[in-house]
């Protein structure tokens, strides 16, 4: 960690935002949460949750954990995994590729990146 990161808080200079009593990593994430609340109210989706931990395992070996920004439960029972990105790091790109490789064939899961 650099001196700047230590004293400014964020490595990528994003500022956390509070929406509905919850702290989000960015203004974009907080706005997306507000949009999801409207979609629940409008009965477009059943529910949503944030920051779900997903274990990325290959050949029964744990590689790493991935914390997805949002999981949306659709009315038909499918789950949509949503990552809200402002800045794509090399580490995120490789984790997302691994996540896609492990979960994209499941017809009950939708993988989405919001840029």
C-alpha atoms as a PDB file:
ATOM      1  CA  UNK A   1       0.000   0.000   0.000  1.00  0.00           C
ATOM      2  CA  UNK A   2       1.350   3.383  -0.937  1.00  0.00           C
ATOM      3  CA  UNK A   3       1.402   6.455   1.266  1.00  0.00           C
ATOM      4  CA  UNK A   4      -1.430   7.998  -0.797  1.00  0.00           C
ATOM      5  CA  UNK A   5      -3.635   4.907  -0.434  1.00  0.00           C
ATOM      6  CA  UNK A   6      -3.004   4.828   3.301  1.00  0.00           C
ATOM      7  CA  UNK A   7      -4.124   8.420   3.817  1.00  0.00           C
ATOM      8  CA  UNK A   8      -6.733   8.949   1.091  1.00  0.00           C
ATOM      9  CA  UNK A   9      -8.549   5.686   1.738  1.00  0.00           C
ATOM     10  CA  UNK A  10      -9.131   4.280  -1.728  1.00  0.00           C
ATOM     11  CA  UNK A  11      -6.577   2.804  -4.062  1.00  0.00           C
ATOM     12  CA  UNK A  12      -8.635   3.919  -7.094  1.00  0.00           C
ATOM     13  CA  UNK A  13      -9.948   7.098  -5.468  1.00  0.00           C
ATOM     14  CA  UNK A  14     -13.572   6.027  -5.575  1.00  0.00           C
ATOM     15  CA  UNK A  15     -15.603   7.385  -2.696  1.00  0.00           C
ATOM     16  CA  UNK A  16     -18.035   5.248  -0.788  1.00  0.00           C
ATOM     17  CA  UNK A  17     -21.667   6.329  -0.825  1.00  0.00           C
ATOM     18  CA  UNK A  18     -24.499   5.519   1.539  1.00  0.00           C
ATOM     19  CA  UNK A  19     -27.896   4.524   0.205  1.00  0.00           C
ATOM     20  CA  UNK A  20     -30.745   3.346   2.422  1.00  0.00           C
ATOM     21  CA  UNK A  21     -28.377   2.996   5.377  1.00  0.00           C
ATOM     22  CA  UNK A  22     -25.898   0.789   3.485  1.00  0.00           C
ATOM     23  CA  UNK A  23     -22.408   1.822   2.412  1.00  0.00           C
ATOM     24  CA  UNK A  24     -21.461   1.089  -1.197  1.00  0.00           C
ATOM     25  CA  UNK A  25     -17.997   1.194  -2.782  1.00  0.00           C
ATOM     26  CA  UNK A  26     -19.011   3.868  -5.286  1.00  0.00           C
ATOM     27  CA  UNK A  27     -21.732   6.287  -6.297  1.00  0.00           C
ATOM     28  CA  UNK A  28     -22.435   4.031  -9.279  1.00  0.00           C
ATOM     29  CA  UNK A  29     -23.074   1.008  -7.006  1.00  0.00           C
ATOM     30  CA  UNK A  30     -25.361   3.033  -4.735  1.00  0.00           C
ATOM     31  CA  UNK A  31     -27.347   4.266  -7.759  1.00  0.00           C
ATOM     32  CA  UNK A  32     -27.670   0.695  -9.027  1.00  0.00           C
ATOM     33  CA  UNK A  33     -29.009  -0.404  -5.615  1.00  0.00           C
ATOM     34  CA  UNK A  34     -31.620   2.374  -5.790  1.00  0.00           C
ATOM     35  CA  UNK A  35     -32.605   1.158  -9.267  1.00  0.00           C
ATOM     36  CA  UNK A  36     -32.961  -2.406  -7.943  1.00  0.00           C
ATOM     37  CA  UNK A  37     -35.238  -1.204  -5.144  1.00  0.00           C
ATOM     38  CA  UNK A  38     -37.477   0.437  -7.763  1.00  0.00           C
ATOM     39  CA  UNK A  39     -37.515  -2.802  -9.768  1.00  0.00           C
ATOM     40  CA  UNK A  40     -38.602  -4.764  -6.673  1.00  0.00           C
ATOM     41  CA  UNK A  41     -41.349  -2.208  -5.988  1.00  0.00           C
ATOM     42  CA  UNK A  42     -42.479  -2.438  -9.607  1.00  0.00           C
ATOM     43  CA  UNK A  43     -42.503  -6.249  -9.359  1.00  0.00           C
ATOM     44  CA  UNK A  44     -39.953  -6.537 -12.175  1.00  0.00           C
ATOM     45  CA  UNK A  45     -37.674  -8.648  -9.933  1.00  0.00           C
ATOM     46  CA  UNK A  46     -38.342 -10.657  -6.768  1.00  0.00           C
ATOM     47  CA  UNK A  47     -35.420  -9.476  -4.622  1.00  0.00           C
ATOM     48  CA  UNK A  48     -31.741  -8.615  -4.588  1.00  0.00           C
ATOM     49  CA  UNK A  49     -28.750  -8.900  -2.303  1.00  0.00           C
ATOM     50  CA  UNK A  50     -25.304  -7.373  -2.294  1.00  0.00           C
ATOM     51  CA  UNK A  51     -21.753  -8.587  -1.790  1.00  0.00           C
ATOM     52  CA  UNK A  52     -22.349 -12.332  -2.018  1.00  0.00           C
ATOM     53  CA  UNK A  53     -19.207 -14.396  -1.480  1.00  0.00           C
ATOM     54  CA  UNK A  54     -18.604 -16.909  -4.260  1.00  0.00           C
ATOM     55  CA  UNK A  55     -15.955 -19.593  -3.928  1.00  0.00           C
ATOM     56  CA  UNK A  56     -14.065 -20.116  -7.186  1.00  0.00           C
ATOM     57  CA  UNK A  57     -12.959 -23.754  -7.193  1.00  0.00           C
ATOM     58  CA  UNK A  58     -11.339 -25.769  -9.996  1.00  0.00           C
ATOM     59  CA  UNK A  59     -10.957 -29.576  -9.867  1.00  0.00           C
ATOM     60  CA  UNK A  60     -12.021 -29.562  -6.204  1.00  0.00           C
ATOM     61  CA  UNK A  61      -9.294 -27.046  -5.337  1.00  0.00           C
ATOM     62  CA  UNK A  62     -10.118 -23.641  -3.904  1.00  0.00           C
ATOM     63  CA  UNK A  63      -8.531 -20.930  -6.046  1.00  0.00           C
ATOM     64  CA  UNK A  64      -9.974 -17.763  -4.493  1.00  0.00           C
ATOM     65  CA  UNK A  65     -13.143 -16.053  -3.318  1.00  0.00           C
ATOM     66  CA  UNK A  66     -15.025 -13.557  -5.425  1.00  0.00           C
ATOM     67  CA  UNK A  67     -17.413 -11.000  -3.964  1.00  0.00           C
ATOM     68  CA  UNK A  68     -20.015 -10.131  -6.565  1.00  0.00           C
ATOM     69  CA  UNK A  69     -21.602  -6.689  -6.201  1.00  0.00           C
ATOM     70  CA  UNK A  70     -25.235  -7.778  -6.611  1.00  0.00           C
ATOM     71  CA  UNK A  71     -27.306 -10.933  -6.999  1.00  0.00           C
ATOM     72  CA  UNK A  72     -30.780 -10.405  -8.431  1.00  0.00           C
ATOM     73  CA  UNK A  73     -33.480 -13.036  -8.035  1.00  0.00           C
ATOM     74  CA  UNK A  74     -35.767 -12.859 -11.065  1.00  0.00           C
ATOM     75  CA  UNK A  75     -39.452 -13.739 -10.929  1.00  0.00           C
ATOM     76  CA  UNK A  76     -38.809 -16.946 -12.924  1.00  0.00           C
ATOM     77  CA  UNK A  77     -36.278 -18.165 -10.320  1.00  0.00           C
ATOM     78  CA  UNK A  78     -33.109 -17.380 -12.255  1.00  0.00           C
ATOM     79  CA  UNK A  79     -30.300 -15.513 -10.518  1.00  0.00           C
ATOM     80  CA  UNK A  80     -28.410 -12.671 -12.145  1.00  0.00           C
ATOM     81  CA  UNK A  81     -24.909 -11.920 -10.915  1.00  0.00           C
ATOM     82  CA  UNK A  82     -24.100  -8.260 -11.496  1.00  0.00           C
ATOM     83  CA  UNK A  83     -20.720  -6.566 -11.230  1.00  0.00           C
ATOM     84  CA  UNK A  84     -20.793  -2.752 -11.358  1.00  0.00           C
ATOM     85  CA  UNK A  85     -17.447  -1.527 -12.707  1.00  0.00           C
ATOM     86  CA  UNK A  86     -15.962   1.889 -13.044  1.00  0.00           C
ATOM     87  CA  UNK A  87     -12.364   0.731 -13.339  1.00  0.00           C
ATOM     88  CA  UNK A  88     -11.276  -2.758 -14.422  1.00  0.00           C
ATOM     89  CA  UNK A  89      -8.121  -4.012 -12.739  1.00  0.00           C
ATOM     90  CA  UNK A  90      -6.061  -6.914 -14.120  1.00  0.00           C
ATOM     91  CA  UNK A  91      -6.932  -8.899 -10.962  1.00  0.00           C
ATOM     92  CA  UNK A  92     -10.661  -8.328 -11.507  1.00  0.00           C
ATOM     93  CA  UNK A  93     -10.418  -9.317 -15.174  1.00  0.00           C
ATOM     94  CA  UNK A  94      -8.873 -12.689 -14.384  1.00  0.00           C
ATOM     95  CA  UNK A  95     -11.323 -13.393 -11.549  1.00  0.00           C
ATOM     96  CA  UNK A  96     -14.247 -12.499 -13.828  1.00  0.00           C
ATOM     97  CA  UNK A  97     -12.932 -14.844 -16.552  1.00  0.00           C
ATOM     98  CA  UNK A  98     -12.655 -17.647 -13.995  1.00  0.00           C
ATOM     99  CA  UNK A  99     -16.147 -16.860 -12.706  1.00  0.00           C
ATOM    100  CA  UNK A 100     -17.510 -16.954 -16.276  1.00  0.00           C
ATOM    101  CA  UNK A 101     -15.757 -20.251 -17.008  1.00  0.00           C
ATOM    102  CA  UNK A 102     -17.271 -21.844 -13.910  1.00  0.00           C
ATOM    103  CA  UNK A 103     -20.818 -20.445 -14.075  1.00  0.00           C
ATOM    104  CA  UNK A 104     -21.753 -19.330 -17.602  1.00  0.00           C
ATOM    105  CA  UNK A 105     -23.064 -22.764 -18.699  1.00  0.00           C
ATOM    106  CA  UNK A 106     -25.705 -22.781 -15.951  1.00  0.00           C
ATOM    107  CA  UNK A 107     -28.950 -21.687 -17.635  1.00  0.00           C
ATOM    108  CA  UNK A 108     -30.336 -20.518 -14.265  1.00  0.00           C
ATOM    109  CA  UNK A 109     -27.556 -17.956 -13.848  1.00  0.00           C
ATOM    110  CA  UNK A 110     -27.109 -14.706 -15.769  1.00  0.00           C
ATOM    111  CA  UNK A 111     -23.737 -12.956 -15.605  1.00  0.00           C
ATOM    112  CA  UNK A 112     -23.737  -9.189 -16.172  1.00  0.00           C
ATOM    113  CA  UNK A 113     -21.145  -6.421 -16.030  1.00  0.00           C
ATOM    114  CA  UNK A 114     -22.510  -2.865 -15.714  1.00  0.00           C
ATOM    115  CA  UNK A 115     -19.971  -0.325 -16.949  1.00  0.00           C
END
